[in-house]
């Protein structure tokens, strides 16, 4: 598993920011600041669950899990995505609606501006590390294509979470600023609702991607094409009739090849060929940890 230092940085940042936001909210009564505090707490819990998922997914296969624990990361990523929707987005929208019904205008905007400024700086640091990890992973692939194709949900959850944080901070700032500029608390309440909508939108993307990985995604067509070429290049093989693959974790792929071998081969020759083909494929594609080559009739 690649270095996950960006997750620990994000966790530390979220805990510090959450504490500062709730402190400011206690003094000011700002609805958008409470929503932002909730957002940061959800982000911090998300990082803890992702760390838990990463550690569990690295466990070795045993009798109860013969294919390993790799999908633990995908499970917890899906849970985190739902948490952002339910606890982050929905609670923020609810908080904003309550404040629209019972508006309160605080007189301590200096607290809000100070905390928002600090939060923006620290979130930018977290976002930098998340982008660094994401760019290393995606290479020359476009942003949204890389988000859709990623097999490591921990990266996009932290990345999109930080993007949501930045957007939320901007909205919260505008809510506080306009509320005091026009002496109208409704701007702050509306900002809380908008922050919730941002979280719900981000959660929708994350739920979709996490669900897809949890259910089982195949490796890329480009990779499968090369794998088939390698298998069919072996002197004992006539053709690969069918192929099946799925990601068990970001760094582990399970592959099955239904292969037609030449008729005049003995059992020992077929066994040697399977071992030879397996080594050839894993040499070029080390992520394919488990390969099952099944001899079939043409």
C-alpha atoms as a PDB file:
ATOM      1  CA  UNK A   1       0.000   0.000   0.000  1.00  0.00           C
ATOM      2  CA  UNK A   2       1.320   3.406  -0.916  1.00  0.00           C
ATOM      3  CA  UNK A   3       2.139   6.034   1.686  1.00  0.00           C
ATOM      4  CA  UNK A   4      -0.992   7.466   3.283  1.00  0.00           C
ATOM      5  CA  UNK A   5       0.641  10.390   5.082  1.00  0.00           C
ATOM      6  CA  UNK A   6      -1.912  12.764   3.509  1.00  0.00           C
ATOM      7  CA  UNK A   7      -4.713  11.055   5.485  1.00  0.00           C
ATOM      8  CA  UNK A   8      -2.949  11.640   8.811  1.00  0.00           C
ATOM      9  CA  UNK A   9      -2.292  15.266   7.862  1.00  0.00           C
ATOM     10  CA  UNK A  10      -5.950  15.697   6.961  1.00  0.00           C
ATOM     11  CA  UNK A  11      -7.043  14.094  10.252  1.00  0.00           C
ATOM     12  CA  UNK A  12      -4.881  16.446  12.345  1.00  0.00           C
ATOM     13  CA  UNK A  13      -6.093  19.448  10.346  1.00  0.00           C
ATOM     14  CA  UNK A  14      -9.773  18.490  10.689  1.00  0.00           C
ATOM     15  CA  UNK A  15      -9.522  18.038  14.465  1.00  0.00           C
ATOM     16  CA  UNK A  16      -7.864  21.433  14.923  1.00  0.00           C
ATOM     17  CA  UNK A  17     -10.309  23.175  12.629  1.00  0.00           C
ATOM     18  CA  UNK A  18     -13.379  21.526  14.200  1.00  0.00           C
ATOM     19  CA  UNK A  19     -12.306  22.698  17.659  1.00  0.00           C
ATOM     20  CA  UNK A  20     -11.769  26.270  16.450  1.00  0.00           C
ATOM     21  CA  UNK A  21     -15.076  26.380  14.553  1.00  0.00           C
ATOM     22  CA  UNK A  22     -17.156  25.164  17.471  1.00  0.00           C
ATOM     23  CA  UNK A  23     -15.372  27.618  19.768  1.00  0.00           C
ATOM     24  CA  UNK A  24     -16.271  30.444  17.403  1.00  0.00           C
ATOM     25  CA  UNK A  25     -19.846  29.178  17.047  1.00  0.00           C
ATOM     26  CA  UNK A  26     -20.221  29.139  20.852  1.00  0.00           C
ATOM     27  CA  UNK A  27     -19.292  32.825  21.021  1.00  0.00           C
ATOM     28  CA  UNK A  28     -21.117  34.014  17.902  1.00  0.00           C
ATOM     29  CA  UNK A  29     -24.096  31.668  17.438  1.00  0.00           C
ATOM     30  CA  UNK A  30     -23.338  31.529  13.713  1.00  0.00           C
ATOM     31  CA  UNK A  31     -25.407  28.862  11.915  1.00  0.00           C
ATOM     32  CA  UNK A  32     -22.940  28.447   9.045  1.00  0.00           C
ATOM     33  CA  UNK A  33     -20.075  28.158  11.567  1.00  0.00           C
ATOM     34  CA  UNK A  34     -21.901  25.311  13.352  1.00  0.00           C
ATOM     35  CA  UNK A  35     -22.427  23.620   9.965  1.00  0.00           C
ATOM     36  CA  UNK A  36     -18.751  24.034   9.176  1.00  0.00           C
ATOM     37  CA  UNK A  37     -17.845  22.578  12.580  1.00  0.00           C
ATOM     38  CA  UNK A  38     -20.056  19.558  11.887  1.00  0.00           C
ATOM     39  CA  UNK A  39     -18.418  19.240   8.473  1.00  0.00           C
ATOM     40  CA  UNK A  40     -14.941  19.140  10.042  1.00  0.00           C
ATOM     41  CA  UNK A  41     -15.992  16.542  12.649  1.00  0.00           C
ATOM     42  CA  UNK A  42     -17.430  14.334   9.888  1.00  0.00           C
ATOM     43  CA  UNK A  43     -14.182  14.737   7.932  1.00  0.00           C
ATOM     44  CA  UNK A  44     -12.122  13.748  10.985  1.00  0.00           C
ATOM     45  CA  UNK A  45     -14.260  10.648  11.629  1.00  0.00           C
ATOM     46  CA  UNK A  46     -13.960   9.832   7.922  1.00  0.00           C
ATOM     47  CA  UNK A  47     -10.156   9.863   8.131  1.00  0.00           C
ATOM     48  CA  UNK A  48     -10.242   7.546  11.162  1.00  0.00           C
ATOM     49  CA  UNK A  49     -12.491   5.063   9.330  1.00  0.00           C
ATOM     50  CA  UNK A  50     -10.298   5.225   6.219  1.00  0.00           C
ATOM     51  CA  UNK A  51      -7.188   4.535   8.309  1.00  0.00           C
ATOM     52  CA  UNK A  52      -9.029   1.607   9.910  1.00  0.00           C
ATOM     53  CA  UNK A  53     -10.035   0.300   6.484  1.00  0.00           C
ATOM     54  CA  UNK A  54      -6.507   0.618   5.105  1.00  0.00           C
ATOM     55  CA  UNK A  55      -4.993  -1.240   8.072  1.00  0.00           C
ATOM     56  CA  UNK A  56      -7.574  -4.039   7.909  1.00  0.00           C
ATOM     57  CA  UNK A  57      -7.280  -4.384   4.134  1.00  0.00           C
ATOM     58  CA  UNK A  58      -3.556  -5.105   4.543  1.00  0.00           C
ATOM     59  CA  UNK A  59      -4.222  -8.229   6.638  1.00  0.00           C
ATOM     60  CA  UNK A  60      -3.072 -11.491   5.088  1.00  0.00           C
ATOM     61  CA  UNK A  61      -5.523 -14.050   3.756  1.00  0.00           C
ATOM     62  CA  UNK A  62      -6.635 -16.763   6.155  1.00  0.00           C
ATOM     63  CA  UNK A  63      -9.111 -19.651   6.278  1.00  0.00           C
ATOM     64  CA  UNK A  64     -12.107 -17.366   6.796  1.00  0.00           C
ATOM     65  CA  UNK A  65     -10.999 -14.920   4.067  1.00  0.00           C
ATOM     66  CA  UNK A  66      -9.063 -16.969   1.485  1.00  0.00           C
ATOM     67  CA  UNK A  67      -8.968 -14.044  -0.964  1.00  0.00           C
ATOM     68  CA  UNK A  68      -7.735 -11.607   1.646  1.00  0.00           C
ATOM     69  CA  UNK A  69      -9.198  -8.547   3.344  1.00  0.00           C
ATOM     70  CA  UNK A  70      -8.608  -6.037   0.551  1.00  0.00           C
ATOM     71  CA  UNK A  71     -12.272  -5.094   0.165  1.00  0.00           C
ATOM     72  CA  UNK A  72     -12.336  -3.794   3.759  1.00  0.00           C
ATOM     73  CA  UNK A  73     -11.083  -0.485   2.358  1.00  0.00           C
ATOM     74  CA  UNK A  74     -13.924  -0.366  -0.176  1.00  0.00           C
ATOM     75  CA  UNK A  75     -16.503  -1.151   2.518  1.00  0.00           C
ATOM     76  CA  UNK A  76     -15.347   1.593   4.874  1.00  0.00           C
ATOM     77  CA  UNK A  77     -15.038   4.038   1.971  1.00  0.00           C
ATOM     78  CA  UNK A  78     -18.690   3.381   1.172  1.00  0.00           C
ATOM     79  CA  UNK A  79     -19.643   3.958   4.826  1.00  0.00           C
ATOM     80  CA  UNK A  80     -17.675   7.225   4.877  1.00  0.00           C
ATOM     81  CA  UNK A  81     -19.420   8.387   1.698  1.00  0.00           C
ATOM     82  CA  UNK A  82     -22.821   7.763   3.303  1.00  0.00           C
ATOM     83  CA  UNK A  83     -21.722   9.562   6.485  1.00  0.00           C
ATOM     84  CA  UNK A  84     -20.832  12.683   4.516  1.00  0.00           C
ATOM     85  CA  UNK A  85     -24.335  12.605   3.027  1.00  0.00           C
ATOM     86  CA  UNK A  86     -26.358  11.825   6.153  1.00  0.00           C
ATOM     87  CA  UNK A  87     -24.340  13.441   8.948  1.00  0.00           C
ATOM     88  CA  UNK A  88     -22.663  16.175   6.943  1.00  0.00           C
ATOM     89  CA  UNK A  89     -25.024  17.295   4.207  1.00  0.00           C
ATOM     90  CA  UNK A  90     -28.415  16.581   5.760  1.00  0.00           C
ATOM     91  CA  UNK A  91     -27.531  17.930   9.221  1.00  0.00           C
ATOM     92  CA  UNK A  92     -26.139  21.145   7.711  1.00  0.00           C
ATOM     93  CA  UNK A  93     -29.286  21.652   5.641  1.00  0.00           C
ATOM     94  CA  UNK A  94     -31.429  20.993   8.712  1.00  0.00           C
ATOM     95  CA  UNK A  95     -29.360  23.416  10.797  1.00  0.00           C
ATOM     96  CA  UNK A  96     -29.816  26.118   8.159  1.00  0.00           C
ATOM     97  CA  UNK A  97     -33.582  25.568   7.936  1.00  0.00           C
ATOM     98  CA  UNK A  98     -33.921  25.795  11.734  1.00  0.00           C
ATOM     99  CA  UNK A  99     -32.007  29.088  11.738  1.00  0.00           C
ATOM    100  CA  UNK A 100     -34.153  30.422   8.895  1.00  0.00           C
ATOM    101  CA  UNK A 101     -37.180  29.789  11.083  1.00  0.00           C
ATOM    102  CA  UNK A 102     -35.439  31.251  14.162  1.00  0.00           C
ATOM    103  CA  UNK A 103     -32.842  33.766  12.851  1.00  0.00           C
ATOM    104  CA  UNK A 104     -30.078  35.012  15.145  1.00  0.00           C
ATOM    105  CA  UNK A 105     -27.560  37.746  14.281  1.00  0.00           C
ATOM    106  CA  UNK A 106     -24.386  37.635  16.351  1.00  0.00           C
ATOM    107  CA  UNK A 107     -22.184  40.617  17.083  1.00  0.00           C
ATOM    108  CA  UNK A 108     -18.826  38.848  17.196  1.00  0.00           C
ATOM    109  CA  UNK A 109     -17.985  38.501  13.533  1.00  0.00           C
ATOM    110  CA  UNK A 110     -14.274  38.925  14.323  1.00  0.00           C
ATOM    111  CA  UNK A 111     -14.365  35.406  15.778  1.00  0.00           C
ATOM    112  CA  UNK A 112     -15.898  34.048  12.595  1.00  0.00           C
ATOM    113  CA  UNK A 113     -13.403  35.742  10.308  1.00  0.00           C
ATOM    114  CA  UNK A 114     -10.439  34.635  12.417  1.00  0.00           C
ATOM    115  CA  UNK A 115     -11.494  30.999  12.517  1.00  0.00           C
ATOM    116  CA  UNK A 116     -12.446  30.932   8.839  1.00  0.00           C
ATOM    117  CA  UNK A 117      -9.038  32.362   7.944  1.00  0.00           C
ATOM    118  CA  UNK A 118      -7.209  29.790  10.067  1.00  0.00           C
ATOM    119  CA  UNK A 119      -9.373  27.003   8.673  1.00  0.00           C
ATOM    120  CA  UNK A 120      -8.715  28.120   5.105  1.00  0.00           C
ATOM    121  CA  UNK A 121      -4.942  28.053   5.649  1.00  0.00           C
ATOM    122  CA  UNK A 122      -4.899  24.606   7.286  1.00  0.00           C
ATOM    123  CA  UNK A 123      -7.364  23.127   4.791  1.00  0.00           C
ATOM    124  CA  UNK A 124      -5.210  24.414   1.940  1.00  0.00           C
ATOM    125  CA  UNK A 125      -2.251  22.525   3.444  1.00  0.00           C
ATOM    126  CA  UNK A 126      -4.307  19.326   3.622  1.00  0.00           C
ATOM    127  CA  UNK A 127      -5.593  19.884   0.086  1.00  0.00           C
ATOM    128  CA  UNK A 128      -2.026  20.315  -1.192  1.00  0.00           C
ATOM    129  CA  UNK A 129      -0.991  16.913   0.182  1.00  0.00           C
ATOM    130  CA  UNK A 130      -4.146  15.254  -1.112  1.00  0.00           C
ATOM    131  CA  UNK A 131      -3.609  16.735  -4.578  1.00  0.00           C
ATOM    132  CA  UNK A 132       0.005  15.623  -4.487  1.00  0.00           C
ATOM    133  CA  UNK A 133      -1.048  12.019  -3.801  1.00  0.00           C
ATOM    134  CA  UNK A 134      -3.820  12.214  -6.389  1.00  0.00           C
ATOM    135  CA  UNK A 135      -1.585  13.655  -9.127  1.00  0.00           C
ATOM    136  CA  UNK A 136       1.019  10.975  -8.490  1.00  0.00           C
ATOM    137  CA  UNK A 137      -1.672   8.349  -8.846  1.00  0.00           C
ATOM    138  CA  UNK A 138      -3.431   9.703 -11.943  1.00  0.00           C
ATOM    139  CA  UNK A 139      -0.392  10.632 -14.061  1.00  0.00           C
ATOM    140  CA  UNK A 140      -1.522  12.344 -17.273  1.00  0.00           C
ATOM    141  CA  UNK A 141      -5.184  11.345 -16.958  1.00  0.00           C
ATOM    142  CA  UNK A 142      -7.720  14.203 -16.696  1.00  0.00           C
ATOM    143  CA  UNK A 143      -9.118  15.074 -13.260  1.00  0.00           C
ATOM    144  CA  UNK A 144     -12.656  13.678 -13.569  1.00  0.00           C
ATOM    145  CA  UNK A 145     -11.551  10.666 -15.563  1.00  0.00           C
ATOM    146  CA  UNK A 146      -9.051   9.843 -12.831  1.00  0.00           C
ATOM    147  CA  UNK A 147     -11.772  10.227 -10.174  1.00  0.00           C
ATOM    148  CA  UNK A 148     -13.985   7.765 -12.060  1.00  0.00           C
ATOM    149  CA  UNK A 149     -11.176   5.308 -12.770  1.00  0.00           C
ATOM    150  CA  UNK A 150      -9.419   5.362  -9.396  1.00  0.00           C
ATOM    151  CA  UNK A 151      -9.150   2.103  -7.501  1.00  0.00           C
ATOM    152  CA  UNK A 152      -8.025   3.841  -4.285  1.00  0.00           C
ATOM    153  CA  UNK A 153     -11.088   5.584  -2.793  1.00  0.00           C
ATOM    154  CA  UNK A 154      -9.111   6.917   0.183  1.00  0.00           C
ATOM    155  CA  UNK A 155      -7.399   9.443  -2.090  1.00  0.00           C
ATOM    156  CA  UNK A 156     -10.535  10.840  -3.706  1.00  0.00           C
ATOM    157  CA  UNK A 157     -12.456  10.922  -0.416  1.00  0.00           C
ATOM    158  CA  UNK A 158      -9.778  13.086   1.207  1.00  0.00           C
ATOM    159  CA  UNK A 159      -9.306  15.154  -1.946  1.00  0.00           C
ATOM    160  CA  UNK A 160     -12.985  15.861  -2.631  1.00  0.00           C
ATOM    161  CA  UNK A 161     -13.567  16.306   1.099  1.00  0.00           C
ATOM    162  CA  UNK A 162     -10.936  19.057   1.160  1.00  0.00           C
ATOM    163  CA  UNK A 163     -12.396  20.627  -1.981  1.00  0.00           C
ATOM    164  CA  UNK A 164     -15.780  20.616  -0.227  1.00  0.00           C
ATOM    165  CA  UNK A 165     -14.138  22.191   2.833  1.00  0.00           C
ATOM    166  CA  UNK A 166     -12.694  25.040   0.768  1.00  0.00           C
ATOM    167  CA  UNK A 167     -16.023  25.681  -0.961  1.00  0.00           C
ATOM    168  CA  UNK A 168     -17.824  25.479   2.385  1.00  0.00           C
ATOM    169  CA  UNK A 169     -15.444  27.986   3.960  1.00  0.00           C
ATOM    170  CA  UNK A 170     -16.017  30.417   1.099  1.00  0.00           C
ATOM    171  CA  UNK A 171     -19.801  30.050   1.466  1.00  0.00           C
ATOM    172  CA  UNK A 172     -19.572  30.431   5.255  1.00  0.00           C
ATOM    173  CA  UNK A 173     -17.486  33.589   4.847  1.00  0.00           C
ATOM    174  CA  UNK A 174     -20.021  35.062   2.441  1.00  0.00           C
ATOM    175  CA  UNK A 175     -22.849  34.147   4.820  1.00  0.00           C
ATOM    176  CA  UNK A 176     -21.206  35.877   7.773  1.00  0.00           C
ATOM    177  CA  UNK A 177     -20.102  38.869   5.703  1.00  0.00           C
ATOM    178  CA  UNK A 178     -23.488  39.505   4.062  1.00  0.00           C
ATOM    179  CA  UNK A 179     -25.345  38.972   7.339  1.00  0.00           C
ATOM    180  CA  UNK A 180     -23.401  41.779   8.986  1.00  0.00           C
ATOM    181  CA  UNK A 181     -23.240  43.963   5.901  1.00  0.00           C
ATOM    182  CA  UNK A 182     -27.029  44.036   5.528  1.00  0.00           C
ATOM    183  CA  UNK A 183     -27.834  43.312   9.203  1.00  0.00           C
ATOM    184  CA  UNK A 184     -29.784  40.265   8.017  1.00  0.00           C
ATOM    185  CA  UNK A 185     -29.230  36.846   9.686  1.00  0.00           C
ATOM    186  CA  UNK A 186     -30.929  35.005   6.837  1.00  0.00           C
ATOM    187  CA  UNK A 187     -27.748  35.136   4.739  1.00  0.00           C
ATOM    188  CA  UNK A 188     -25.929  33.092   7.374  1.00  0.00           C
ATOM    189  CA  UNK A 189     -28.786  30.565   7.532  1.00  0.00           C
ATOM    190  CA  UNK A 190     -28.899  30.226   3.745  1.00  0.00           C
ATOM    191  CA  UNK A 191     -25.124  29.697   3.748  1.00  0.00           C
ATOM    192  CA  UNK A 192     -25.625  26.720   6.071  1.00  0.00           C
ATOM    193  CA  UNK A 193     -28.121  25.195   3.636  1.00  0.00           C
ATOM    194  CA  UNK A 194     -25.718  25.741   0.721  1.00  0.00           C
ATOM    195  CA  UNK A 195     -22.881  24.080   2.647  1.00  0.00           C
ATOM    196  CA  UNK A 196     -25.147  21.068   3.154  1.00  0.00           C
ATOM    197  CA  UNK A 197     -25.981  20.947  -0.556  1.00  0.00           C
ATOM    198  CA  UNK A 198     -22.261  21.013  -1.402  1.00  0.00           C
ATOM    199  CA  UNK A 199     -21.658  18.070   0.939  1.00  0.00           C
ATOM    200  CA  UNK A 200     -24.579  16.119  -0.502  1.00  0.00           C
ATOM    201  CA  UNK A 201     -23.278  16.665  -4.055  1.00  0.00           C
ATOM    202  CA  UNK A 202     -19.771  15.498  -3.129  1.00  0.00           C
ATOM    203  CA  UNK A 203     -21.213  12.552  -1.235  1.00  0.00           C
ATOM    204  CA  UNK A 204     -23.195  11.526  -4.325  1.00  0.00           C
ATOM    205  CA  UNK A 205     -19.981  11.238  -6.345  1.00  0.00           C
ATOM    206  CA  UNK A 206     -18.194   9.320  -3.587  1.00  0.00           C
ATOM    207  CA  UNK A 207     -21.091   6.918  -2.974  1.00  0.00           C
ATOM    208  CA  UNK A 208     -21.241   6.085  -6.672  1.00  0.00           C
ATOM    209  CA  UNK A 209     -17.527   5.356  -6.936  1.00  0.00           C
ATOM    210  CA  UNK A 210     -17.283   3.486  -3.623  1.00  0.00           C
ATOM    211  CA  UNK A 211     -20.293   1.325  -4.483  1.00  0.00           C
ATOM    212  CA  UNK A 212     -18.768   0.422  -7.849  1.00  0.00           C
ATOM    213  CA  UNK A 213     -15.494  -0.653  -6.219  1.00  0.00           C
ATOM    214  CA  UNK A 214     -17.265  -2.573  -3.462  1.00  0.00           C
ATOM    215  CA  UNK A 215     -19.323  -4.555  -5.969  1.00  0.00           C
ATOM    216  CA  UNK A 216     -16.192  -5.362  -7.984  1.00  0.00           C
ATOM    217  CA  UNK A 217     -14.558  -3.464 -10.844  1.00  0.00           C
ATOM    218  CA  UNK A 218     -12.595  -5.126 -13.593  1.00  0.00           C
ATOM    219  CA  UNK A 219      -9.095  -4.029 -14.462  1.00  0.00           C
ATOM    220  CA  UNK A 220      -8.762  -1.788 -17.516  1.00  0.00           C
ATOM    221  CA  UNK A 221      -9.349  -3.059 -21.069  1.00  0.00           C
ATOM    222  CA  UNK A 222      -5.837  -1.992 -21.954  1.00  0.00           C
ATOM    223  CA  UNK A 223      -4.373  -4.176 -19.208  1.00  0.00           C
ATOM    224  CA  UNK A 224      -6.595  -7.149 -20.087  1.00  0.00           C
ATOM    225  CA  UNK A 225      -5.612  -6.878 -23.752  1.00  0.00           C
ATOM    226  CA  UNK A 226      -1.913  -7.048 -22.874  1.00  0.00           C
ATOM    227  CA  UNK A 227      -2.484  -9.914 -20.427  1.00  0.00           C
ATOM    228  CA  UNK A 228      -4.277 -11.944 -23.113  1.00  0.00           C
ATOM    229  CA  UNK A 229      -1.472 -11.240 -25.559  1.00  0.00           C
ATOM    230  CA  UNK A 230       1.092 -12.492 -23.034  1.00  0.00           C
ATOM    231  CA  UNK A 231      -0.904 -15.651 -22.366  1.00  0.00           C
ATOM    232  CA  UNK A 232      -1.504 -16.395 -26.041  1.00  0.00           C
ATOM    233  CA  UNK A 233       2.165 -15.828 -26.843  1.00  0.00           C
ATOM    234  CA  UNK A 234       3.042 -18.943 -24.856  1.00  0.00           C
ATOM    235  CA  UNK A 235       3.881 -21.913 -27.068  1.00  0.00           C
ATOM    236  CA  UNK A 236       1.384 -24.167 -25.299  1.00  0.00           C
ATOM    237  CA  UNK A 237      -1.641 -21.893 -25.754  1.00  0.00           C
ATOM    238  CA  UNK A 238      -4.053 -21.730 -28.675  1.00  0.00           C
ATOM    239  CA  UNK A 239      -6.198 -18.898 -27.309  1.00  0.00           C
ATOM    240  CA  UNK A 240      -7.759 -17.335 -24.225  1.00  0.00           C
ATOM    241  CA  UNK A 241     -11.467 -18.082 -24.512  1.00  0.00           C
ATOM    242  CA  UNK A 242     -12.785 -16.010 -21.593  1.00  0.00           C
ATOM    243  CA  UNK A 243     -11.318 -13.741 -18.961  1.00  0.00           C
ATOM    244  CA  UNK A 244     -12.547 -12.433 -15.608  1.00  0.00           C
ATOM    245  CA  UNK A 245     -10.912  -9.914 -13.308  1.00  0.00           C
ATOM    246  CA  UNK A 246     -11.750  -7.831 -10.258  1.00  0.00           C
ATOM    247  CA  UNK A 247      -9.964  -5.457  -7.895  1.00  0.00           C
ATOM    248  CA  UNK A 248      -9.678  -6.916  -4.398  1.00  0.00           C
ATOM    249  CA  UNK A 249      -7.885  -3.764  -3.192  1.00  0.00           C
ATOM    250  CA  UNK A 250      -6.109  -0.801  -4.844  1.00  0.00           C
ATOM    251  CA  UNK A 251      -2.951  -2.891  -5.177  1.00  0.00           C
ATOM    252  CA  UNK A 252      -4.405  -6.360  -5.736  1.00  0.00           C
ATOM    253  CA  UNK A 253      -6.212  -7.808  -8.754  1.00  0.00           C
ATOM    254  CA  UNK A 254      -7.721 -11.272  -9.080  1.00  0.00           C
ATOM    255  CA  UNK A 255      -7.615 -12.730 -12.609  1.00  0.00           C
ATOM    256  CA  UNK A 256      -9.082 -15.856 -14.181  1.00  0.00           C
ATOM    257  CA  UNK A 257      -8.273 -16.992 -17.719  1.00  0.00           C
ATOM    258  CA  UNK A 258     -10.229 -19.766 -19.406  1.00  0.00           C
ATOM    259  CA  UNK A 259      -7.509 -20.994 -21.741  1.00  0.00           C
ATOM    260  CA  UNK A 260      -7.497 -23.391 -24.665  1.00  0.00           C
ATOM    261  CA  UNK A 261      -4.262 -25.421 -24.736  1.00  0.00           C
ATOM    262  CA  UNK A 262      -2.898 -27.536 -27.585  1.00  0.00           C
ATOM    263  CA  UNK A 263      -4.378 -31.032 -27.797  1.00  0.00           C
ATOM    264  CA  UNK A 264      -1.140 -33.013 -27.702  1.00  0.00           C
ATOM    265  CA  UNK A 265       0.030 -31.682 -24.308  1.00  0.00           C
ATOM    266  CA  UNK A 266       0.347 -33.860 -21.212  1.00  0.00           C
ATOM    267  CA  UNK A 267      -0.977 -32.827 -17.813  1.00  0.00           C
ATOM    268  CA  UNK A 268       2.558 -32.018 -16.676  1.00  0.00           C
ATOM    269  CA  UNK A 269       3.175 -29.817 -19.739  1.00  0.00           C
ATOM    270  CA  UNK A 270      -0.072 -27.911 -19.123  1.00  0.00           C
ATOM    271  CA  UNK A 271       0.865 -27.432 -15.464  1.00  0.00           C
ATOM    272  CA  UNK A 272       4.290 -26.094 -16.465  1.00  0.00           C
ATOM    273  CA  UNK A 273       2.673 -23.786 -19.010  1.00  0.00           C
ATOM    274  CA  UNK A 274       0.257 -22.390 -16.393  1.00  0.00           C
ATOM    275  CA  UNK A 275       3.141 -21.678 -14.049  1.00  0.00           C
ATOM    276  CA  UNK A 276       5.128 -20.077 -16.876  1.00  0.00           C
ATOM    277  CA  UNK A 277       2.241 -17.866 -18.013  1.00  0.00           C
ATOM    278  CA  UNK A 278       1.504 -16.812 -14.416  1.00  0.00           C
ATOM    279  CA  UNK A 279       5.095 -15.655 -13.873  1.00  0.00           C
ATOM    280  CA  UNK A 280       5.133 -13.820 -17.218  1.00  0.00           C
ATOM    281  CA  UNK A 281       1.930 -11.903 -16.426  1.00  0.00           C
ATOM    282  CA  UNK A 282       2.969 -11.020 -12.869  1.00  0.00           C
ATOM    283  CA  UNK A 283       6.340  -9.783 -14.080  1.00  0.00           C
ATOM    284  CA  UNK A 284       4.651  -7.099 -16.203  1.00  0.00           C
ATOM    285  CA  UNK A 285       1.629  -6.602 -13.937  1.00  0.00           C
ATOM    286  CA  UNK A 286       2.656  -7.069 -10.278  1.00  0.00           C
ATOM    287  CA  UNK A 287      -0.781  -5.891  -9.093  1.00  0.00           C
ATOM    288  CA  UNK A 288      -2.282  -9.122 -10.413  1.00  0.00           C
ATOM    289  CA  UNK A 289      -1.527 -11.082  -7.261  1.00  0.00           C
ATOM    290  CA  UNK A 290      -3.885 -14.017  -7.834  1.00  0.00           C
ATOM    291  CA  UNK A 291      -4.115 -15.721 -11.253  1.00  0.00           C
ATOM    292  CA  UNK A 292      -6.256 -18.748 -12.019  1.00  0.00           C
ATOM    293  CA  UNK A 293      -5.719 -20.328 -15.425  1.00  0.00           C
ATOM    294  CA  UNK A 294      -8.349 -22.935 -16.238  1.00  0.00           C
ATOM    295  CA  UNK A 295      -7.835 -25.266 -19.213  1.00  0.00           C
ATOM    296  CA  UNK A 296     -11.002 -25.474 -21.355  1.00  0.00           C
ATOM    297  CA  UNK A 297     -11.997 -27.042 -24.641  1.00  0.00           C
ATOM    298  CA  UNK A 298     -11.820 -24.958 -27.779  1.00  0.00           C
END
